[in-house]
Protein backbone atom coordinates (compact mmCIF):
# COMPACT_ATOMS: atom_id res chain seq x y z
CA MET A 1 -51.89 2.59 -25.77
CA SER A 2 -48.12 2.86 -25.82
CA GLU A 3 -45.99 -0.08 -24.67
CA SER A 4 -44.49 0.18 -21.19
CA PRO A 5 -40.70 0.64 -21.23
CA GLN A 6 -38.57 -2.42 -20.59
CA ARG A 7 -36.87 -2.61 -17.23
CA PHE A 8 -33.26 -1.54 -17.01
CA LEU A 9 -30.83 -4.45 -16.73
CA PRO A 10 -27.72 -3.54 -14.69
CA TYR A 11 -24.59 -5.62 -15.10
CA GLY A 12 -25.22 -7.08 -11.64
CA ARG A 13 -27.52 -6.74 -8.65
CA GLN A 14 -28.50 -8.49 -5.43
CA GLN A 15 -31.49 -10.77 -5.08
CA ILE A 16 -33.17 -10.09 -1.73
CA GLU A 17 -36.20 -12.18 -0.81
CA GLU A 18 -38.73 -12.05 2.01
CA ASP A 19 -36.88 -14.49 4.24
CA ASP A 20 -33.76 -12.32 3.98
CA ILE A 21 -35.77 -9.32 5.16
CA ALA A 22 -37.24 -11.39 7.98
CA ALA A 23 -33.77 -12.52 9.11
CA VAL A 24 -32.55 -8.93 9.36
CA ALA A 25 -35.74 -7.82 11.09
CA ALA A 26 -35.28 -10.56 13.69
CA VAL A 27 -31.87 -9.17 14.59
CA LEU A 28 -33.26 -5.65 14.83
CA ARG A 29 -35.87 -6.92 17.28
CA GLY A 30 -33.29 -8.80 19.34
CA ASP A 31 -30.61 -7.90 21.87
CA TRP A 32 -27.50 -8.01 19.67
CA LEU A 33 -26.81 -5.69 16.74
CA THR A 34 -23.10 -6.49 16.58
CA THR A 35 -20.52 -8.99 17.90
CA GLY A 36 -23.39 -11.33 18.74
CA PRO A 37 -24.70 -14.80 17.83
CA ALA A 38 -25.44 -14.04 14.16
CA VAL A 39 -21.73 -13.39 13.58
CA GLU A 40 -20.73 -16.74 15.05
CA ALA A 41 -23.54 -18.52 13.19
CA PHE A 42 -22.48 -17.08 9.85
CA GLU A 43 -18.83 -17.98 10.41
CA ALA A 44 -19.75 -21.56 11.33
CA ALA A 45 -22.02 -21.91 8.29
CA LEU A 46 -19.44 -20.46 5.92
CA ALA A 47 -16.71 -22.75 7.25
CA ALA A 48 -19.00 -25.73 6.78
CA ARG A 49 -19.98 -24.65 3.25
CA THR A 50 -16.39 -24.14 2.12
CA GLN A 51 -15.08 -27.18 4.04
CA ALA A 52 -12.50 -24.99 5.80
CA LYS A 53 -11.71 -25.37 9.49
CA HIS A 54 -12.18 -21.69 10.25
CA ALA A 55 -13.97 -18.63 8.84
CA VAL A 56 -13.52 -15.06 10.04
CA VAL A 57 -16.12 -12.56 8.85
CA CYS A 58 -15.25 -8.88 8.42
CA GLY A 59 -16.60 -5.65 6.98
CA SER A 60 -15.50 -6.18 3.37
CA ALA A 61 -13.23 -8.29 1.18
CA THR A 62 -10.84 -5.34 1.17
CA ALA A 63 -10.64 -5.61 4.95
CA GLY A 64 -10.21 -9.36 4.56
CA LEU A 65 -7.25 -8.98 2.21
CA HIS A 66 -5.64 -6.47 4.57
CA LEU A 67 -6.19 -8.78 7.53
CA ALA A 68 -4.67 -11.67 5.58
CA MET A 69 -1.51 -9.70 4.86
CA MET A 70 -1.28 -8.67 8.52
CA ALA A 71 -1.83 -12.23 9.70
CA LEU A 72 0.98 -13.48 7.46
CA GLY A 73 3.31 -10.81 8.80
CA LEU A 74 4.03 -9.34 5.37
CA LYS A 75 6.15 -6.25 5.91
CA GLU A 76 8.12 -3.40 4.39
CA GLY A 77 10.78 -4.52 1.95
CA GLU A 78 8.90 -7.69 1.00
CA ARG A 79 6.84 -8.13 -2.16
CA ALA A 80 3.45 -9.48 -3.10
CA ILE A 81 2.64 -10.79 -6.58
CA VAL A 82 -0.75 -9.66 -7.85
CA PRO A 83 -2.34 -10.07 -11.31
CA SER A 84 -2.97 -6.66 -12.83
CA ILE A 85 -6.52 -7.54 -13.86
CA THR A 86 -8.27 -7.27 -10.52
CA PHE A 87 -9.89 -4.69 -8.30
CA LEU A 88 -7.66 -2.14 -6.62
CA ALA A 89 -8.00 -3.82 -3.22
CA THR A 90 -5.90 -6.87 -4.11
CA ALA A 91 -2.80 -4.76 -4.67
CA ASN A 92 -3.61 -2.13 -2.06
CA ALA A 93 -3.72 -4.75 0.70
CA ALA A 94 0.02 -5.31 0.27
CA ARG A 95 0.73 -1.59 0.34
CA TYR A 96 -1.33 -1.19 3.54
CA VAL A 97 1.34 -3.21 5.37
CA GLY A 98 4.26 -1.49 3.63
CA ALA A 99 5.09 -4.25 1.14
CA GLU A 100 5.68 -3.61 -2.56
CA VAL A 101 3.58 -5.03 -5.39
CA VAL A 102 4.87 -6.96 -8.38
CA PHE A 103 2.18 -7.01 -11.05
CA ALA A 104 1.78 -10.23 -13.03
CA ASP A 105 0.44 -10.76 -16.52
CA VAL A 106 -2.66 -12.87 -17.16
CA ASP A 107 -4.14 -15.15 -19.78
CA PRO A 108 -5.51 -12.79 -22.46
CA ASP A 109 -8.89 -14.56 -22.67
CA THR A 110 -9.65 -15.60 -19.08
CA ALA A 111 -7.82 -12.80 -17.21
CA LEU A 112 -6.40 -15.47 -14.88
CA LEU A 113 -2.91 -15.70 -13.42
CA THR A 114 -1.07 -18.68 -14.93
CA PRO A 115 1.99 -20.61 -13.80
CA ALA A 116 4.02 -18.99 -16.59
CA THR A 117 2.96 -15.43 -15.76
CA LEU A 118 3.59 -16.14 -12.06
CA GLU A 119 7.11 -17.38 -12.84
CA ALA A 120 7.78 -14.24 -14.87
CA ALA A 121 6.61 -12.02 -12.01
CA ILE A 122 8.75 -13.94 -9.51
CA ALA A 123 11.77 -13.33 -11.73
CA ARG A 124 11.07 -9.58 -11.55
CA ALA A 125 10.66 -9.70 -7.77
CA GLU A 126 14.42 -9.98 -7.18
CA GLY A 127 14.09 -12.69 -4.55
CA LYS A 128 11.87 -10.57 -2.29
CA ALA A 129 8.48 -12.06 -3.10
CA LYS A 130 6.75 -13.55 -0.04
CA VAL A 131 3.13 -13.98 -1.12
CA VAL A 132 1.06 -14.45 -4.27
CA LEU A 133 -2.60 -13.46 -4.50
CA PRO A 134 -4.18 -15.26 -7.47
CA VAL A 135 -7.64 -13.93 -8.37
CA HIS A 136 -10.47 -16.30 -9.27
CA PHE A 137 -11.65 -13.87 -11.88
CA GLY A 138 -15.34 -13.65 -12.72
CA GLY A 139 -16.10 -16.82 -10.73
CA ARG A 140 -13.71 -19.07 -12.70
CA THR A 141 -10.81 -20.44 -10.67
CA VAL A 142 -7.14 -20.26 -11.46
CA ASP A 143 -5.37 -23.62 -11.79
CA LEU A 144 -4.75 -23.78 -8.06
CA ALA A 145 -2.65 -26.94 -8.11
CA ALA A 146 -0.27 -25.53 -10.71
CA ILE A 147 -0.10 -22.08 -9.08
CA ALA A 148 0.49 -23.68 -5.67
CA ALA A 149 3.32 -25.79 -7.09
CA VAL A 150 5.10 -22.69 -8.38
CA ALA A 151 4.48 -20.86 -5.10
CA GLU A 152 5.84 -23.74 -3.04
CA ARG A 153 8.92 -24.05 -5.22
CA HIS A 154 9.74 -20.39 -4.56
CA GLY A 155 8.68 -20.34 -0.89
CA LEU A 156 5.66 -18.06 -1.39
CA ALA A 157 2.54 -18.06 0.75
CA LEU A 158 -0.60 -18.38 -1.37
CA VAL A 159 -3.68 -16.33 -0.50
CA GLU A 160 -6.68 -16.75 -2.81
CA ASP A 161 -8.58 -13.62 -3.79
CA ALA A 162 -11.90 -15.42 -4.03
CA ALA A 163 -14.03 -12.27 -4.00
CA HIS A 164 -15.74 -13.45 -7.21
CA ALA A 165 -15.86 -17.15 -6.44
CA ILE A 166 -18.11 -18.09 -3.52
CA GLY A 167 -19.88 -21.27 -4.60
CA ALA A 168 -17.26 -22.30 -7.15
CA SER A 169 -15.39 -25.61 -6.93
CA TYR A 170 -12.04 -26.78 -8.27
CA GLY A 171 -10.43 -30.12 -9.02
CA PRO A 172 -7.49 -30.72 -11.38
CA GLY A 173 -7.43 -33.73 -13.68
CA ASN A 174 -9.50 -36.61 -12.37
CA GLN A 175 -9.52 -35.37 -8.79
CA PRO A 176 -12.89 -34.63 -7.18
CA ARG A 177 -13.83 -30.96 -7.06
CA THR A 178 -13.83 -29.26 -3.70
CA PRO A 179 -15.24 -25.86 -2.74
CA VAL A 180 -13.22 -22.72 -3.27
CA GLY A 181 -12.29 -21.64 0.22
CA ASP A 182 -11.36 -25.08 1.54
CA CYS A 183 -7.74 -23.84 1.48
CA GLY A 184 -6.45 -27.16 0.24
CA TYR A 185 -3.78 -25.32 -1.76
CA SER A 186 -3.57 -22.01 0.11
CA ARG A 187 -3.02 -20.43 3.51
CA MET A 188 -6.21 -18.36 3.27
CA ALA A 189 -9.04 -17.48 0.89
CA VAL A 190 -10.86 -14.14 0.94
CA PHE A 191 -14.50 -13.67 -0.10
CA SER A 192 -16.72 -10.68 -0.88
CA PHE A 193 -20.43 -10.32 -0.14
CA HIS A 194 -20.96 -7.00 -1.89
CA PRO A 195 -24.44 -6.66 -3.46
CA VAL A 196 -23.29 -7.57 -6.98
CA LYS A 197 -21.66 -10.80 -5.78
CA THR A 198 -23.38 -14.19 -5.75
CA ILE A 199 -24.62 -13.69 -2.19
CA ALA A 200 -24.91 -10.35 -0.43
CA MET A 201 -24.43 -8.96 3.07
CA GLY A 202 -24.83 -5.32 2.01
CA GLU A 203 -21.14 -4.87 2.60
CA GLY A 204 -19.12 -7.74 3.95
CA GLY A 205 -16.28 -10.18 3.50
CA ALA A 206 -14.70 -13.20 5.10
CA ILE A 207 -11.46 -15.15 5.27
CA THR A 208 -11.27 -18.93 5.47
CA THR A 209 -8.22 -20.85 6.71
CA ASN A 210 -7.23 -24.20 8.16
CA ASP A 211 -4.55 -22.69 10.40
CA PRO A 212 -5.73 -21.97 13.97
CA GLU A 213 -2.92 -19.46 14.56
CA LEU A 214 -3.89 -17.49 11.46
CA ARG A 215 -7.51 -17.62 12.57
CA GLU A 216 -6.57 -16.14 15.96
CA ARG A 217 -4.51 -13.37 14.37
CA LEU A 218 -7.25 -12.54 11.86
CA ALA A 219 -9.88 -12.30 14.59
CA ARG A 220 -7.64 -10.16 16.80
CA PHE A 221 -6.60 -7.75 14.05
CA ARG A 222 -10.25 -7.46 13.02
CA SER A 223 -11.08 -5.90 16.39
CA HIS A 224 -8.39 -3.29 17.13
CA GLY A 225 -5.76 -5.92 17.91
CA MET A 226 -7.44 -6.63 21.26
CA THR A 227 -7.38 -9.91 23.12
CA ARG A 228 -9.21 -11.05 26.25
CA ASP A 229 -7.37 -14.36 26.51
CA PRO A 230 -5.72 -14.51 29.96
CA ALA A 231 -3.12 -16.96 28.68
CA THR A 232 -1.63 -14.22 26.50
CA PHE A 233 -1.67 -11.33 28.97
CA ALA A 234 1.71 -9.66 29.42
CA ASN A 235 0.91 -7.10 32.12
CA ARG A 236 0.06 -9.43 34.98
CA ASP A 237 -0.24 -6.67 37.59
CA LEU A 238 -3.14 -5.12 35.72
CA ALA A 239 -4.57 -8.32 34.30
CA PHE A 240 -5.18 -10.35 37.46
CA ASP A 241 -6.78 -9.87 40.87
CA ALA A 242 -4.87 -10.63 44.07
CA ASP A 243 -6.21 -14.20 44.08
CA GLY A 244 -4.89 -14.79 40.55
CA THR A 245 -8.22 -14.66 38.72
CA PRO A 246 -8.38 -12.54 35.55
CA ASN A 247 -9.95 -9.12 36.01
CA PRO A 248 -13.30 -9.27 34.18
CA TRP A 249 -12.88 -5.92 32.42
CA TYR A 250 -9.34 -6.47 31.26
CA TYR A 251 -8.01 -6.71 27.71
CA GLU A 252 -4.65 -6.15 26.03
CA MET A 253 -3.41 -5.05 22.61
CA PRO A 254 -0.21 -6.90 21.66
CA GLU A 255 -0.25 -5.21 18.22
CA PRO A 256 -2.53 -2.55 16.72
CA GLY A 257 -5.43 -3.72 14.61
CA TYR A 258 -8.42 -2.16 12.91
CA HIS A 259 -12.16 -1.91 13.34
CA TYR A 260 -13.02 -4.39 10.61
CA ARG A 261 -15.89 -6.19 12.34
CA ALA A 262 -19.14 -7.18 10.61
CA THR A 263 -22.42 -6.62 12.45
CA ASP A 264 -25.12 -9.12 13.34
CA ILE A 265 -27.37 -7.23 10.92
CA HIS A 266 -25.02 -7.97 8.03
CA CYS A 267 -24.37 -11.53 9.16
CA ALA A 268 -28.07 -12.33 9.49
CA LEU A 269 -28.51 -11.33 5.86
CA GLY A 270 -25.38 -13.25 4.89
CA LEU A 271 -26.56 -16.39 6.68
CA SER A 272 -29.95 -16.23 4.97
CA GLN A 273 -28.31 -15.70 1.58
CA LEU A 274 -25.78 -18.47 2.15
CA LYS A 275 -28.63 -20.97 2.31
CA LYS A 276 -29.47 -19.97 -1.29
CA LEU A 277 -25.93 -20.13 -2.63
CA ASP A 278 -26.40 -23.29 -4.65
CA ARG A 279 -29.59 -21.96 -6.25
CA PHE A 280 -28.05 -18.59 -7.09
CA ALA A 281 -24.86 -20.15 -8.48
CA ALA A 282 -26.83 -22.64 -10.59
CA ARG A 283 -28.94 -19.84 -12.04
CA ARG A 284 -25.83 -17.85 -12.93
CA ARG A 285 -24.33 -20.89 -14.64
CA ALA A 286 -27.52 -21.43 -16.63
CA LEU A 287 -27.58 -17.80 -17.75
CA LEU A 288 -23.91 -17.90 -18.72
CA GLU A 289 -24.49 -21.01 -20.82
CA ARG A 290 -27.43 -19.29 -22.50
CA TYR A 291 -25.15 -16.35 -23.30
CA ARG A 292 -22.64 -18.80 -24.75
CA GLN A 293 -25.29 -20.19 -27.11
CA VAL A 294 -26.80 -16.86 -28.15
CA LEU A 295 -23.46 -15.12 -28.62
CA ALA A 296 -22.02 -17.93 -30.77
CA PRO A 297 -23.29 -16.46 -34.08
CA LEU A 298 -21.51 -13.17 -33.28
CA ALA A 299 -18.06 -14.82 -33.23
CA PRO A 300 -15.32 -13.89 -33.83
CA LEU A 301 -16.39 -10.27 -33.28
CA VAL A 302 -17.88 -11.14 -29.88
CA ARG A 303 -17.14 -14.26 -27.89
CA LEU A 304 -16.72 -15.69 -24.43
CA ALA A 305 -13.59 -17.40 -23.17
CA PRO A 306 -13.74 -21.18 -23.57
CA ALA A 307 -15.54 -23.07 -20.80
CA PRO A 308 -13.20 -24.36 -18.07
CA SER A 309 -12.57 -28.06 -17.53
CA ASP A 310 -10.94 -28.02 -14.08
CA CYS A 311 -13.62 -26.14 -12.15
CA GLU A 312 -17.32 -25.57 -11.82
CA PRO A 313 -17.54 -21.79 -11.83
CA ALA A 314 -19.95 -19.72 -9.81
CA TRP A 315 -20.10 -16.98 -12.38
CA HIS A 316 -19.93 -13.47 -10.95
CA LEU A 317 -19.35 -11.84 -14.34
CA CYS A 318 -20.30 -12.47 -17.93
CA SER A 319 -17.22 -10.92 -19.47
CA ALA A 320 -17.56 -10.82 -23.25
CA LEU A 321 -14.52 -10.30 -25.46
CA VAL A 322 -15.39 -7.76 -28.16
CA ASP A 323 -13.20 -6.73 -31.11
CA PHE A 324 -14.23 -3.09 -30.95
CA ALA A 325 -11.76 -2.04 -33.66
CA ALA A 326 -13.13 -4.56 -36.13
CA ALA A 327 -16.67 -3.42 -35.31
CA GLY A 328 -15.75 0.21 -35.96
CA ARG A 329 -17.09 1.25 -32.54
CA THR A 330 -15.29 2.36 -29.43
CA ARG A 331 -16.16 0.65 -26.17
CA ALA A 332 -17.54 3.91 -24.81
CA GLN A 333 -19.84 4.22 -27.84
CA VAL A 334 -21.06 0.65 -27.36
CA MET A 335 -21.68 1.09 -23.64
CA THR A 336 -23.57 4.35 -24.20
CA ALA A 337 -25.72 2.86 -26.96
CA LEU A 338 -26.52 -0.20 -24.84
CA ARG A 339 -27.50 2.00 -21.91
CA GLU A 340 -29.91 3.88 -24.16
CA ARG A 341 -31.50 0.49 -24.84
CA GLY A 342 -31.81 -0.26 -21.13
CA ILE A 343 -28.72 -2.47 -20.88
CA GLY A 344 -26.10 -1.73 -18.23
CA THR A 345 -22.52 -2.88 -18.79
CA GLN A 346 -19.20 -2.42 -17.03
CA VAL A 347 -15.46 -2.93 -17.52
CA HIS A 348 -13.67 -5.32 -15.16
CA TYR A 349 -11.03 -4.03 -14.68
CA ILE A 350 -8.78 -1.13 -15.55
CA PRO A 351 -5.31 -2.72 -15.15
CA VAL A 352 -4.11 -1.84 -11.68
CA HIS A 353 -0.51 -1.32 -12.79
CA ALA A 354 -1.78 1.56 -14.99
CA GLN A 355 -3.28 3.45 -12.04
CA PRO A 356 -1.44 6.74 -11.42
CA TYR A 357 -0.29 5.74 -7.94
CA TYR A 358 1.33 2.49 -9.13
CA ARG A 359 2.66 3.99 -12.34
CA ARG A 360 4.44 6.70 -10.33
CA ARG A 361 5.79 4.09 -7.93
CA TYR A 362 6.91 1.41 -10.38
CA GLY A 363 7.04 3.09 -13.78
CA ALA A 364 5.55 1.86 -17.03
CA LEU A 365 5.07 -1.88 -17.36
CA THR A 366 4.26 -3.98 -20.42
CA LEU A 367 1.95 -6.92 -19.77
CA PRO A 368 0.65 -8.21 -23.12
CA GLY A 369 -2.04 -10.52 -21.77
CA VAL A 370 -3.42 -7.79 -19.53
CA GLU A 371 -3.47 -5.30 -22.39
CA SER A 372 -5.18 -7.74 -24.76
CA TYR A 373 -7.85 -8.65 -22.23
CA TYR A 374 -8.52 -5.06 -21.17
CA ALA A 375 -8.86 -3.87 -24.77
CA ARG A 376 -11.71 -6.33 -25.43
CA CYS A 377 -13.57 -6.94 -22.17
CA LEU A 378 -17.16 -5.88 -21.56
CA SER A 379 -19.23 -7.23 -18.66
CA LEU A 380 -22.81 -7.99 -19.71
CA PRO A 381 -25.75 -8.25 -17.28
CA LEU A 382 -25.64 -11.37 -15.11
CA PHE A 383 -27.66 -11.87 -11.93
CA PRO A 384 -30.11 -14.52 -10.68
CA GLY A 385 -33.18 -12.32 -11.15
CA MET A 386 -32.72 -12.27 -14.93
CA ALA A 387 -35.16 -14.18 -17.11
CA ASP A 388 -33.98 -16.32 -20.03
CA ASP A 389 -35.46 -13.78 -22.42
CA ASP A 390 -33.25 -11.09 -20.88
CA VAL A 391 -30.19 -12.80 -22.36
CA GLU A 392 -31.71 -12.62 -25.85
CA ARG A 393 -32.58 -8.97 -25.24
CA VAL A 394 -29.00 -8.14 -24.22
CA VAL A 395 -27.45 -9.95 -27.16
CA GLU A 396 -29.90 -8.46 -29.66
CA ALA A 397 -29.11 -4.97 -28.33
CA LEU A 398 -25.39 -5.73 -28.62
CA ARG A 399 -25.86 -7.02 -32.16
CA ALA A 400 -27.70 -3.82 -33.16
CA THR A 401 -25.15 -1.59 -31.44
CA LEU A 402 -22.29 -3.26 -33.29
CA GLY A 403 -24.11 -2.94 -36.60
CA LEU A 404 -24.43 -6.68 -37.14
CA ARG A 405 -27.24 -8.23 -39.16
C-alpha cells in the first residue's frame, strides 16, 4: 500500500472551530445581519482587549487606514511617511486623500522602521510631512517610544499600522508591556482580520483610538459620512418638526464618506475568534521558537532576525532570511521546489516604492535596508493549526532544496 501524501502547508491560514461556526449561524438565524448588536459587541470587546477607549470596526484594514487618514484631515500637498516594506494599502491610504508618500528605509533584518530611517525620511519630506505610519511587521513591534519621540519632535501624527500585530504587546526598557492598540504612543492603531492574520473575520479591520473626536469621525466616514445626531444638524428647517423635536427619518452628511461598514456576520466571527486570541498568539510564538531552534544549524545561509527584547510579538509571519546567492539558487527556484514538496511560501513584501505607480510618481529611490531585506526574505508556513512536526518538515524540505547536508 502506498503512503498517503502529506497535507499541503500554506504560509498561513485561518483556524475556524465549531464555536465560530455556531456564532455566525446564530446571527444568520437572528434579526440583524448588519449594523446590529454583534458590531457593537465586537467593538466593545476589542477596545477592552487592547485597553483603548474606543474601537471602530470596518470592512478591512485598508478601509481602516483610509478612514484614519480622513479622520486626521490629511490632505493634498501634505505628506505621509511610510516604510517601503509593507503591503500596498499603507501607502495607498495617503494617496486616497490626495497626500503624497515619502518612503522610509527599514532595518535590513527586521524590516521595521527605525528612528534613524524615520529622521532620514523626514529630511526628504521638505517640511510637509504630517503623519507617519510605522508598520509592526510580522507581529513584531517597532520601538514605539523612540518613533513617537521623533514624530513629536517634528510635529507628526503617529498612526500604527498594526495589521500584523493583534495580540502583541510593547514596553521599552523596564516599563510594563501593554497591548498594541492601546494608543499610548499614537493617535490611532489599525488592525486586520484577514484569514491569514492571527484572528479572522473573513474580511475585516478595525481602528482603535483614545480620542472621542477621532472616534466620531471614523464612525461617520465609515458610513457614507452620515450623522443622525441632532446636535450637529445644520439644516434646521428639514431636521426638526414644528415643535422642535428631531424628525425621526432625518440624517445629514457634513462631508462625504464611504461604505466601509462591517456586518454582524463578520463581527460575530471576529468576536468568537477574539476570545481565542491569547491561545492563537501563544501557539504562533511556540512555533516561531521551534523554527528558531531547528533553523539554527542552517546559519548563516538561513536565519531569523534576532528575538526582540522590547515586545512580546504575536507572530503573523515567520520571515526567514536566506542568502540565495550563496546557496546557488534563486528565490523562485526555492519556492517552486518547496511547493513540489507540499510547502507553501510567500514574499512579504515587494518594496512599495518599486511599484510602477510610485516609481512613475517619485522616480527611482535607493533604500539599502529595504533592498537587503527584500533580497533575502522568505515567509515560511506559520499558523496555529500546525503541528510541531510540521516545523521539522518545512526546515528539512528547505535544507534539501538548498542542497545542504
